[in-house]
Amino acid sequence: MRDQLKNLTEKDYWVYGVTEPDFDHAMNIVREMIDARTEQYKAEEARVREESPDVADDILDDVAYYRYTDNQYLWQFSLWRLQGLIEAVIAHQLVETNSTKKLFGLKAKLEALKGIGYSIEQQEIDELLLWANLRNALSHAPPEQYRPAPLREEDIVEYHEFVKSLYLRWQKEKANINVV
């Protein structure tokens, strides 16, 4: 490993820390990649249909399937990124501890967050933990190459809206929490 990467922390690359646009960027970058892949597929489809019209559907079925499975992995990336963003916000912006003791795990971070006065309902905690469990499962036992998890764009849109709404709420609450 290069020396520059050893012991790398957020202090080495953050200028402002996580902000609202970071949540949208996690979605936008994947959408841009999928759109580019769609354009690429359309060009390939036109070429195949012109060169091999009798067998084009057979050829394109495989190409479309592999494109679909690869796109599923891109949505998995969004889940991973969004999860990291919300945990970073909690641990580094909201529950700022001066000690060297770190909060390990989302559950500990959420308990600390609630303990200092930020609003979070049990249902929201449960939902965050379910998403974290999914992210952990996909990270620690990744799906096989051609059999991705059944994660779809609408799942990630739902999660994005959820974590972004929590972020925005907690940013509003932050001024009042710091006063106490």
N, C-alpha and C. Protein backbone atom coordinates (compact mmCIF):
# COMPACT_ATOMS: atom_id res chain seq x y z
N MET A 1 0.85 -1.18 0.00
CA MET A 1 0.00 0.00 0.00
C MET A 1 0.89 1.24 0.00
N ARG A 2 0.48 2.21 -0.81
CA ARG A 2 1.23 3.47 -0.84
C ARG A 2 1.16 4.16 0.53
N ASP A 3 2.23 4.83 0.88
CA ASP A 3 2.30 5.53 2.16
C ASP A 3 1.16 6.53 2.33
N GLN A 4 0.79 7.19 1.24
CA GLN A 4 -0.26 8.20 1.29
C GLN A 4 -1.60 7.61 1.75
N LEU A 5 -1.81 6.33 1.49
CA LEU A 5 -3.07 5.69 1.85
C LEU A 5 -3.08 5.09 3.25
N LYS A 6 -1.90 4.89 3.80
CA LYS A 6 -1.82 4.31 5.14
C LYS A 6 -2.34 5.31 6.16
N ASN A 7 -3.21 4.86 7.03
CA ASN A 7 -3.77 5.67 8.12
C ASN A 7 -4.56 6.88 7.62
N LEU A 8 -5.09 6.82 6.42
CA LEU A 8 -5.88 7.90 5.85
C LEU A 8 -7.18 8.06 6.66
N THR A 9 -7.53 9.28 7.01
CA THR A 9 -8.79 9.57 7.70
C THR A 9 -9.47 10.75 7.02
N GLU A 10 -10.68 11.02 7.48
CA GLU A 10 -11.45 12.14 6.92
C GLU A 10 -10.70 13.46 7.05
N LYS A 11 -9.83 13.58 8.03
CA LYS A 11 -9.05 14.81 8.22
C LYS A 11 -8.12 15.06 7.04
N ASP A 12 -7.81 13.99 6.31
CA ASP A 12 -6.91 14.10 5.16
C ASP A 12 -7.62 14.52 3.88
N TYR A 13 -8.95 14.38 3.81
CA TYR A 13 -9.62 14.68 2.54
C TYR A 13 -10.87 15.55 2.67
N TRP A 14 -11.39 15.75 3.85
CA TRP A 14 -12.55 16.63 3.98
C TRP A 14 -12.11 18.08 4.04
N VAL A 15 -12.85 18.92 3.32
CA VAL A 15 -12.67 20.36 3.44
C VAL A 15 -13.84 20.90 4.25
N TYR A 16 -15.06 20.54 3.87
CA TYR A 16 -16.26 21.02 4.53
C TYR A 16 -16.98 19.92 5.30
N GLY A 17 -16.64 18.69 5.08
CA GLY A 17 -17.39 17.58 5.65
C GLY A 17 -18.59 17.28 4.76
N VAL A 18 -19.37 16.31 5.15
CA VAL A 18 -20.54 15.89 4.37
C VAL A 18 -21.59 17.00 4.41
N THR A 19 -22.12 17.33 3.23
CA THR A 19 -23.18 18.33 3.12
C THR A 19 -24.34 17.75 2.32
N GLU A 20 -25.42 18.48 2.27
CA GLU A 20 -26.62 18.00 1.57
C GLU A 20 -26.36 17.52 0.14
N PRO A 21 -25.59 18.25 -0.67
CA PRO A 21 -25.36 17.79 -2.04
C PRO A 21 -24.68 16.42 -2.15
N ASP A 22 -23.97 16.01 -1.12
CA ASP A 22 -23.33 14.68 -1.16
C ASP A 22 -24.36 13.57 -1.30
N PHE A 23 -25.52 13.73 -0.69
CA PHE A 23 -26.57 12.72 -0.76
C PHE A 23 -27.11 12.60 -2.19
N ASP A 24 -27.32 13.75 -2.82
CA ASP A 24 -27.81 13.74 -4.20
C ASP A 24 -26.74 13.22 -5.16
N HIS A 25 -25.49 13.54 -4.90
CA HIS A 25 -24.40 13.09 -5.77
C HIS A 25 -24.34 11.57 -5.83
N ALA A 26 -24.61 10.91 -4.71
CA ALA A 26 -24.60 9.44 -4.68
C ALA A 26 -25.61 8.86 -5.66
N MET A 27 -26.70 9.56 -5.86
CA MET A 27 -27.72 9.11 -6.81
C MET A 27 -27.36 9.54 -8.23
N ASN A 28 -26.94 10.79 -8.36
CA ASN A 28 -26.67 11.34 -9.69
C ASN A 28 -25.55 10.62 -10.42
N ILE A 29 -24.51 10.27 -9.72
CA ILE A 29 -23.38 9.61 -10.38
C ILE A 29 -23.80 8.25 -10.94
N VAL A 30 -24.61 7.54 -10.19
CA VAL A 30 -25.09 6.23 -10.68
C VAL A 30 -26.04 6.42 -11.86
N ARG A 31 -26.93 7.38 -11.76
CA ARG A 31 -27.84 7.64 -12.89
C ARG A 31 -27.07 8.02 -14.15
N GLU A 32 -26.04 8.83 -13.99
CA GLU A 32 -25.21 9.21 -15.15
C GLU A 32 -24.54 7.99 -15.76
N MET A 33 -24.03 7.11 -14.93
CA MET A 33 -23.39 5.89 -15.45
C MET A 33 -24.39 5.00 -16.17
N ILE A 34 -25.57 4.85 -15.59
CA ILE A 34 -26.60 4.01 -16.21
C ILE A 34 -27.06 4.64 -17.51
N ASP A 35 -27.22 5.96 -17.54
CA ASP A 35 -27.61 6.63 -18.78
C ASP A 35 -26.55 6.43 -19.87
N ALA A 36 -25.28 6.54 -19.50
CA ALA A 36 -24.20 6.34 -20.47
C ALA A 36 -24.20 4.90 -20.97
N ARG A 37 -24.45 3.96 -20.09
CA ARG A 37 -24.51 2.56 -20.47
C ARG A 37 -25.71 2.31 -21.38
N THR A 38 -26.81 3.00 -21.14
CA THR A 38 -28.00 2.86 -21.99
C THR A 38 -27.71 3.37 -23.39
N GLU A 39 -27.04 4.52 -23.49
CA GLU A 39 -26.65 5.04 -24.81
C GLU A 39 -25.74 4.06 -25.53
N GLN A 40 -24.81 3.50 -24.79
CA GLN A 40 -23.88 2.52 -25.37
C GLN A 40 -24.66 1.29 -25.86
N TYR A 41 -25.63 0.84 -25.08
CA TYR A 41 -26.44 -0.31 -25.46
C TYR A 41 -27.25 -0.01 -26.73
N LYS A 42 -27.83 1.17 -26.79
CA LYS A 42 -28.64 1.54 -27.97
C LYS A 42 -27.79 1.52 -29.25
N ALA A 43 -26.57 2.00 -29.14
CA ALA A 43 -25.67 1.98 -30.30
C ALA A 43 -25.35 0.54 -30.69
N GLU A 44 -25.08 -0.29 -29.70
CA GLU A 44 -24.79 -1.71 -29.96
C GLU A 44 -26.02 -2.41 -30.54
N GLU A 45 -27.19 -2.09 -30.01
CA GLU A 45 -28.43 -2.69 -30.51
C GLU A 45 -28.64 -2.33 -31.98
N ALA A 46 -28.46 -1.08 -32.32
CA ALA A 46 -28.63 -0.65 -33.73
C ALA A 46 -27.65 -1.38 -34.63
N ARG A 47 -26.40 -1.51 -34.19
CA ARG A 47 -25.38 -2.20 -34.99
C ARG A 47 -25.75 -3.67 -35.18
N VAL A 48 -26.16 -4.34 -34.11
CA VAL A 48 -26.50 -5.77 -34.18
C VAL A 48 -27.73 -5.99 -35.05
N ARG A 49 -28.72 -5.14 -34.90
CA ARG A 49 -29.95 -5.30 -35.70
C ARG A 49 -29.67 -5.08 -37.20
N GLU A 50 -28.74 -4.20 -37.48
CA GLU A 50 -28.38 -3.97 -38.88
C GLU A 50 -27.54 -5.12 -39.45
N GLU A 51 -26.57 -5.59 -38.69
CA GLU A 51 -25.66 -6.62 -39.18
C GLU A 51 -26.23 -8.03 -39.11
N SER A 52 -27.08 -8.30 -38.12
CA SER A 52 -27.60 -9.67 -37.92
C SER A 52 -29.08 -9.64 -37.57
N PRO A 53 -29.94 -9.15 -38.45
CA PRO A 53 -31.34 -8.97 -38.10
C PRO A 53 -32.05 -10.28 -37.70
N ASP A 54 -31.64 -11.41 -38.27
CA ASP A 54 -32.33 -12.67 -37.98
C ASP A 54 -32.05 -13.20 -36.58
N VAL A 55 -30.89 -12.88 -36.03
CA VAL A 55 -30.53 -13.39 -34.71
C VAL A 55 -30.30 -12.27 -33.69
N ALA A 56 -30.69 -11.07 -34.05
CA ALA A 56 -30.44 -9.91 -33.19
C ALA A 56 -31.04 -10.07 -31.80
N ASP A 57 -32.27 -10.56 -31.73
CA ASP A 57 -32.90 -10.71 -30.41
C ASP A 57 -32.13 -11.68 -29.53
N ASP A 58 -31.67 -12.78 -30.10
CA ASP A 58 -30.89 -13.75 -29.33
C ASP A 58 -29.59 -13.13 -28.82
N ILE A 59 -28.91 -12.40 -29.66
CA ILE A 59 -27.66 -11.75 -29.27
C ILE A 59 -27.92 -10.69 -28.21
N LEU A 60 -28.93 -9.87 -28.43
CA LEU A 60 -29.20 -8.74 -27.55
C LEU A 60 -29.76 -9.16 -26.19
N ASP A 61 -30.40 -10.33 -26.12
CA ASP A 61 -30.91 -10.81 -24.83
C ASP A 61 -29.77 -10.91 -23.82
N ASP A 62 -28.67 -11.50 -24.23
CA ASP A 62 -27.53 -11.65 -23.33
C ASP A 62 -26.93 -10.29 -22.97
N VAL A 63 -26.75 -9.45 -23.98
CA VAL A 63 -26.17 -8.13 -23.74
C VAL A 63 -27.05 -7.33 -22.77
N ALA A 64 -28.35 -7.38 -22.97
CA ALA A 64 -29.28 -6.65 -22.10
C ALA A 64 -29.25 -7.21 -20.67
N TYR A 65 -29.16 -8.53 -20.55
CA TYR A 65 -29.13 -9.14 -19.22
C TYR A 65 -27.89 -8.70 -18.45
N TYR A 66 -26.73 -8.75 -19.10
CA TYR A 66 -25.50 -8.37 -18.41
C TYR A 66 -25.48 -6.88 -18.08
N ARG A 67 -26.07 -6.08 -18.92
CA ARG A 67 -26.18 -4.65 -18.64
C ARG A 67 -27.07 -4.45 -17.41
N TYR A 68 -28.18 -5.17 -17.37
CA TYR A 68 -29.09 -5.08 -16.22
C TYR A 68 -28.39 -5.49 -14.92
N THR A 69 -27.69 -6.62 -14.95
CA THR A 69 -27.03 -7.08 -13.71
C THR A 69 -25.95 -6.10 -13.27
N ASP A 70 -25.19 -5.57 -14.21
CA ASP A 70 -24.17 -4.60 -13.84
C ASP A 70 -24.79 -3.33 -13.26
N ASN A 71 -25.93 -2.93 -13.79
CA ASN A 71 -26.62 -1.75 -13.24
C ASN A 71 -27.07 -1.99 -11.81
N GLN A 72 -27.43 -3.23 -11.49
CA GLN A 72 -27.83 -3.54 -10.11
C GLN A 72 -26.66 -3.27 -9.16
N TYR A 73 -25.45 -3.58 -9.59
CA TYR A 73 -24.28 -3.31 -8.76
C TYR A 73 -24.05 -1.81 -8.57
N LEU A 74 -24.42 -1.02 -9.55
CA LEU A 74 -24.30 0.43 -9.40
C LEU A 74 -25.26 0.94 -8.32
N TRP A 75 -26.47 0.37 -8.27
CA TRP A 75 -27.40 0.78 -7.21
C TRP A 75 -26.90 0.31 -5.85
N GLN A 76 -26.23 -0.83 -5.83
CA GLN A 76 -25.62 -1.30 -4.59
C GLN A 76 -24.57 -0.30 -4.11
N PHE A 77 -23.81 0.27 -5.04
CA PHE A 77 -22.85 1.31 -4.69
C PHE A 77 -23.55 2.49 -4.02
N SER A 78 -24.70 2.89 -4.54
CA SER A 78 -25.43 4.02 -3.95
C SER A 78 -25.83 3.71 -2.52
N LEU A 79 -26.29 2.50 -2.28
CA LEU A 79 -26.65 2.11 -0.91
C LEU A 79 -25.44 2.25 0.00
N TRP A 80 -24.32 1.71 -0.43
CA TRP A 80 -23.10 1.77 0.36
C TRP A 80 -22.70 3.22 0.64
N ARG A 81 -22.75 4.05 -0.38
CA ARG A 81 -22.35 5.45 -0.24
C ARG A 81 -23.30 6.22 0.67
N LEU A 82 -24.61 6.06 0.47
CA LEU A 82 -25.59 6.77 1.30
C LEU A 82 -25.47 6.36 2.76
N GLN A 83 -25.26 5.08 3.00
CA GLN A 83 -25.09 4.60 4.37
C GLN A 83 -23.86 5.24 5.02
N GLY A 84 -22.79 5.28 4.28
CA GLY A 84 -21.58 5.91 4.81
C GLY A 84 -21.77 7.39 5.10
N LEU A 85 -22.50 8.07 4.22
CA LEU A 85 -22.73 9.50 4.42
C LEU A 85 -23.52 9.78 5.69
N ILE A 86 -24.61 9.03 5.91
CA ILE A 86 -25.44 9.31 7.09
C ILE A 86 -24.68 8.96 8.36
N GLU A 87 -23.88 7.90 8.33
CA GLU A 87 -23.09 7.56 9.51
C GLU A 87 -22.01 8.61 9.77
N ALA A 88 -21.41 9.14 8.72
CA ALA A 88 -20.40 10.18 8.88
C ALA A 88 -21.01 11.44 9.48
N VAL A 89 -22.19 11.80 9.03
CA VAL A 89 -22.87 12.98 9.57
C VAL A 89 -23.11 12.80 11.06
N ILE A 90 -23.62 11.64 11.44
CA ILE A 90 -23.91 11.39 12.85
C ILE A 90 -22.62 11.46 13.67
N ALA A 91 -21.61 10.70 13.24
CA ALA A 91 -20.40 10.56 14.05
C ALA A 91 -19.50 11.79 14.03
N HIS A 92 -19.50 12.55 12.94
CA HIS A 92 -18.53 13.64 12.82
C HIS A 92 -19.13 15.04 12.86
N GLN A 93 -20.45 15.15 12.73
CA GLN A 93 -21.06 16.48 12.76
C GLN A 93 -22.05 16.65 13.90
N LEU A 94 -22.72 15.60 14.29
CA LEU A 94 -23.78 15.73 15.29
C LEU A 94 -23.36 15.24 16.67
N VAL A 95 -22.73 14.11 16.72
CA VAL A 95 -22.28 13.54 17.99
C VAL A 95 -20.77 13.70 18.02
N GLU A 96 -20.35 14.91 18.20
CA GLU A 96 -18.92 15.19 18.17
C GLU A 96 -18.34 14.94 19.56
N THR A 97 -17.55 13.91 19.67
CA THR A 97 -16.93 13.60 20.95
C THR A 97 -15.50 14.11 20.94
N ASN A 98 -15.10 14.68 22.05
CA ASN A 98 -13.74 15.19 22.18
C ASN A 98 -12.76 14.10 22.60
N SER A 99 -13.32 12.98 23.03
CA SER A 99 -12.44 11.90 23.48
C SER A 99 -11.96 11.10 22.28
N THR A 100 -11.01 10.23 22.53
CA THR A 100 -10.50 9.37 21.47
C THR A 100 -11.39 8.15 21.28
N LYS A 101 -12.39 8.02 22.14
CA LYS A 101 -13.31 6.88 22.04
C LYS A 101 -14.23 7.07 20.84
N LYS A 102 -14.22 6.10 19.93
CA LYS A 102 -15.06 6.16 18.74
C LYS A 102 -16.34 5.37 18.97
N LEU A 103 -17.38 5.78 18.26
CA LEU A 103 -18.64 5.05 18.30
C LEU A 103 -18.61 4.00 17.20
N PHE A 104 -18.67 2.74 17.59
CA PHE A 104 -18.64 1.66 16.62
C PHE A 104 -20.04 1.14 16.37
N GLY A 105 -20.41 1.10 15.11
CA GLY A 105 -21.71 0.58 14.72
C GLY A 105 -22.78 1.66 14.69
N LEU A 106 -23.70 1.46 13.79
CA LEU A 106 -24.78 2.43 13.63
C LEU A 106 -25.65 2.52 14.87
N LYS A 107 -25.92 1.42 15.49
CA LYS A 107 -26.79 1.42 16.68
C LYS A 107 -26.21 2.32 17.77
N ALA A 108 -24.93 2.22 18.02
CA ALA A 108 -24.28 3.06 19.04
C ALA A 108 -24.36 4.53 18.65
N LYS A 109 -24.17 4.82 17.37
CA LYS A 109 -24.25 6.20 16.90
C LYS A 109 -25.65 6.76 17.07
N LEU A 110 -26.66 5.95 16.76
CA LEU A 110 -28.05 6.40 16.90
C LEU A 110 -28.43 6.60 18.37
N GLU A 111 -27.95 5.73 19.24
CA GLU A 111 -28.22 5.90 20.68
C GLU A 111 -27.58 7.18 21.20
N ALA A 112 -26.36 7.46 20.78
CA ALA A 112 -25.68 8.69 21.20
C ALA A 112 -26.42 9.91 20.66
N LEU A 113 -26.86 9.83 19.42
CA LEU A 113 -27.59 10.93 18.79
C LEU A 113 -28.87 11.24 19.57
N LYS A 114 -29.61 10.21 19.86
CA LYS A 114 -30.86 10.37 20.62
C LYS A 114 -30.57 10.88 22.03
N GLY A 115 -29.48 10.37 22.61
CA GLY A 115 -29.12 10.74 23.98
C GLY A 115 -28.80 12.21 24.17
N ILE A 116 -28.34 12.87 23.12
CA ILE A 116 -28.02 14.30 23.27
C ILE A 116 -29.15 15.20 22.78
N GLY A 117 -30.27 14.59 22.39
CA GLY A 117 -31.45 15.40 22.12
C GLY A 117 -31.94 15.49 20.69
N TYR A 118 -31.28 14.83 19.75
CA TYR A 118 -31.80 14.85 18.38
C TYR A 118 -33.03 13.97 18.28
N SER A 119 -33.97 14.37 17.42
CA SER A 119 -35.21 13.61 17.29
C SER A 119 -35.03 12.45 16.32
N ILE A 120 -35.44 11.30 16.79
CA ILE A 120 -35.48 10.11 15.94
C ILE A 120 -36.44 9.13 16.58
N GLU A 121 -37.39 8.69 15.79
CA GLU A 121 -38.41 7.74 16.26
C GLU A 121 -37.86 6.32 16.19
N GLN A 122 -38.42 5.45 17.00
CA GLN A 122 -37.99 4.05 16.99
C GLN A 122 -38.16 3.43 15.61
N GLN A 123 -39.24 3.79 14.94
CA GLN A 123 -39.47 3.28 13.58
C GLN A 123 -38.34 3.70 12.64
N GLU A 124 -37.83 4.92 12.79
CA GLU A 124 -36.73 5.39 11.95
C GLU A 124 -35.43 4.65 12.29
N ILE A 125 -35.21 4.41 13.57
CA ILE A 125 -34.04 3.64 13.99
C ILE A 125 -34.11 2.24 13.38
N ASP A 126 -35.26 1.61 13.49
CA ASP A 126 -35.44 0.27 12.94
C ASP A 126 -35.19 0.25 11.44
N GLU A 127 -35.70 1.26 10.75
CA GLU A 127 -35.51 1.35 9.30
C GLU A 127 -34.03 1.53 8.93
N LEU A 128 -33.36 2.42 9.65
CA LEU A 128 -31.93 2.63 9.40
C LEU A 128 -31.13 1.35 9.64
N LEU A 129 -31.49 0.62 10.68
CA LEU A 129 -30.77 -0.62 10.98
C LEU A 129 -31.04 -1.69 9.93
N LEU A 130 -32.26 -1.73 9.40
CA LEU A 130 -32.54 -2.69 8.32
C LEU A 130 -31.69 -2.40 7.09
N TRP A 131 -31.60 -1.12 6.72
CA TRP A 131 -30.78 -0.74 5.57
C TRP A 131 -29.30 -1.02 5.85
N ALA A 132 -28.86 -0.76 7.07
CA ALA A 132 -27.47 -1.04 7.43
C ALA A 132 -27.18 -2.54 7.36
N ASN A 133 -28.13 -3.34 7.80
CA ASN A 133 -27.95 -4.80 7.72
C ASN A 133 -27.84 -5.26 6.28
N LEU A 134 -28.66 -4.68 5.41
CA LEU A 134 -28.58 -5.02 3.98
C LEU A 134 -27.23 -4.61 3.42
N ARG A 135 -26.80 -3.40 3.70
CA ARG A 135 -25.50 -2.93 3.23
C ARG A 135 -24.38 -3.84 3.73
N ASN A 136 -24.45 -4.23 5.01
CA ASN A 136 -23.43 -5.10 5.58
C ASN A 136 -23.42 -6.47 4.90
N ALA A 137 -24.60 -7.01 4.66
CA ALA A 137 -24.69 -8.32 4.00
C ALA A 137 -24.06 -8.25 2.61
N LEU A 138 -24.39 -7.21 1.86
CA LEU A 138 -23.85 -7.07 0.51
C LEU A 138 -22.35 -6.76 0.51
N SER A 139 -21.88 -6.12 1.57
CA SER A 139 -20.46 -5.79 1.65
C SER A 139 -19.62 -6.97 2.10
N HIS A 140 -20.12 -7.73 3.05
CA HIS A 140 -19.32 -8.79 3.66
C HIS A 140 -19.51 -10.16 3.02
N ALA A 141 -20.57 -10.29 2.23
CA ALA A 141 -20.79 -11.53 1.46
C ALA A 141 -21.36 -11.10 0.11
N PRO A 142 -20.53 -10.49 -0.74
CA PRO A 142 -21.01 -9.92 -2.00
C PRO A 142 -21.68 -10.96 -2.89
N PRO A 143 -22.71 -10.54 -3.61
CA PRO A 143 -23.37 -11.44 -4.55
C PRO A 143 -22.42 -11.90 -5.64
N GLU A 144 -22.77 -13.01 -6.25
CA GLU A 144 -21.99 -13.53 -7.36
C GLU A 144 -22.10 -12.57 -8.55
N GLN A 145 -21.16 -12.68 -9.45
CA GLN A 145 -21.05 -11.74 -10.57
C GLN A 145 -22.36 -11.58 -11.35
N TYR A 146 -23.01 -12.65 -11.69
CA TYR A 146 -24.20 -12.55 -12.55
C TYR A 146 -25.50 -12.73 -11.78
N ARG A 147 -25.44 -12.66 -10.47
CA ARG A 147 -26.64 -12.80 -9.65
C ARG A 147 -26.64 -11.72 -8.56
N PRO A 148 -26.83 -10.47 -8.95
CA PRO A 148 -26.80 -9.38 -7.96
C PRO A 148 -28.00 -9.46 -7.02
N ALA A 149 -27.89 -8.74 -5.94
CA ALA A 149 -29.02 -8.63 -5.01
C ALA A 149 -30.19 -7.96 -5.73
N PRO A 150 -31.40 -8.22 -5.30
CA PRO A 150 -32.57 -7.65 -5.99
C PRO A 150 -32.82 -6.18 -5.67
N LEU A 151 -31.76 -5.43 -5.54
CA LEU A 151 -31.85 -4.01 -5.25
C LEU A 151 -32.19 -3.26 -6.53
N ARG A 152 -33.22 -2.42 -6.46
CA ARG A 152 -33.65 -1.68 -7.65
C ARG A 152 -33.53 -0.17 -7.39
N GLU A 153 -33.62 0.57 -8.46
CA GLU A 153 -33.53 2.03 -8.35
C GLU A 153 -34.55 2.57 -7.35
N GLU A 154 -35.78 2.09 -7.42
CA GLU A 154 -36.81 2.61 -6.51
C GLU A 154 -36.48 2.35 -5.05
N ASP A 155 -35.77 1.27 -4.75
CA ASP A 155 -35.34 1.01 -3.38
C ASP A 155 -34.36 2.08 -2.92
N ILE A 156 -33.43 2.40 -3.79
CA ILE A 156 -32.41 3.39 -3.43
C ILE A 156 -33.01 4.79 -3.39
N VAL A 157 -33.96 5.08 -4.25
CA VAL A 157 -34.65 6.37 -4.19
C VAL A 157 -35.34 6.51 -2.83
N GLU A 158 -36.00 5.47 -2.39
CA GLU A 158 -36.66 5.48 -1.08
C GLU A 158 -35.65 5.74 0.04
N TYR A 159 -34.54 5.02 0.01
CA TYR A 159 -33.52 5.18 1.05
C TYR A 159 -32.89 6.58 0.99
N HIS A 160 -32.61 7.05 -0.20
CA HIS A 160 -32.05 8.39 -0.38
C HIS A 160 -32.96 9.44 0.25
N GLU A 161 -34.25 9.38 -0.07
CA GLU A 161 -35.20 10.35 0.48
C GLU A 161 -35.25 10.27 2.01
N PHE A 162 -35.18 9.05 2.52
CA PHE A 162 -35.23 8.83 3.96
C PHE A 162 -34.01 9.44 4.67
N VAL A 163 -32.81 9.07 4.23
CA VAL A 163 -31.62 9.57 4.93
C VAL A 163 -31.42 11.07 4.71
N LYS A 164 -31.80 11.57 3.55
CA LYS A 164 -31.67 13.00 3.32
C LYS A 164 -32.64 13.78 4.20
N SER A 165 -33.83 13.25 4.40
CA SER A 165 -34.80 13.94 5.28
C SER A 165 -34.29 13.94 6.72
N LEU A 166 -33.66 12.86 7.15
CA LEU A 166 -33.07 12.84 8.50
C LEU A 166 -31.95 13.87 8.59
N TYR A 167 -31.08 13.89 7.58
CA TYR A 167 -29.99 14.85 7.56
C TYR A 167 -30.52 16.28 7.69
N LEU A 168 -31.51 16.63 6.88
CA LEU A 168 -32.05 17.99 6.89
C LEU A 168 -32.70 18.33 8.25
N ARG A 169 -33.42 17.39 8.81
CA ARG A 169 -34.05 17.60 10.12
C ARG A 169 -32.98 17.84 11.18
N TRP A 170 -31.97 16.99 11.19
CA TRP A 170 -30.93 17.11 12.21
C TRP A 170 -30.11 18.38 12.05
N GLN A 171 -29.92 18.84 10.82
CA GLN A 171 -29.21 20.10 10.62
C GLN A 171 -30.00 21.26 11.22
N LYS A 172 -31.33 21.21 11.10
CA LYS A 172 -32.17 22.25 11.71
C LYS A 172 -32.09 22.19 13.23
N GLU A 173 -32.04 20.99 13.76
CA GLU A 173 -32.01 20.80 15.21
C GLU A 173 -30.66 21.13 15.81
N LYS A 174 -29.62 21.08 15.01
CA LYS A 174 -28.25 21.21 15.50
C LYS A 174 -28.01 22.49 16.28
N ALA A 175 -28.52 23.59 15.80
CA ALA A 175 -28.32 24.88 16.50
C ALA A 175 -28.89 24.83 17.91
N ASN A 176 -30.04 24.22 18.09
CA ASN A 176 -30.66 24.13 19.40
C ASN A 176 -29.94 23.14 20.31
N ILE A 177 -29.42 22.08 19.73
CA ILE A 177 -28.71 21.08 20.53
C ILE A 177 -27.41 21.67 21.06
N ASN A 178 -26.69 22.41 20.23
CA ASN A 178 -25.41 22.97 20.64
C ASN A 178 -25.55 24.05 21.70
N VAL A 179 -26.73 24.69 21.77
CA VAL A 179 -26.97 25.74 22.75
C VAL A 179 -27.06 25.13 24.15
N VAL A 180 -27.62 23.94 24.23
CA VAL A 180 -27.87 23.29 25.53
C VAL A 180 -26.59 22.91 26.21
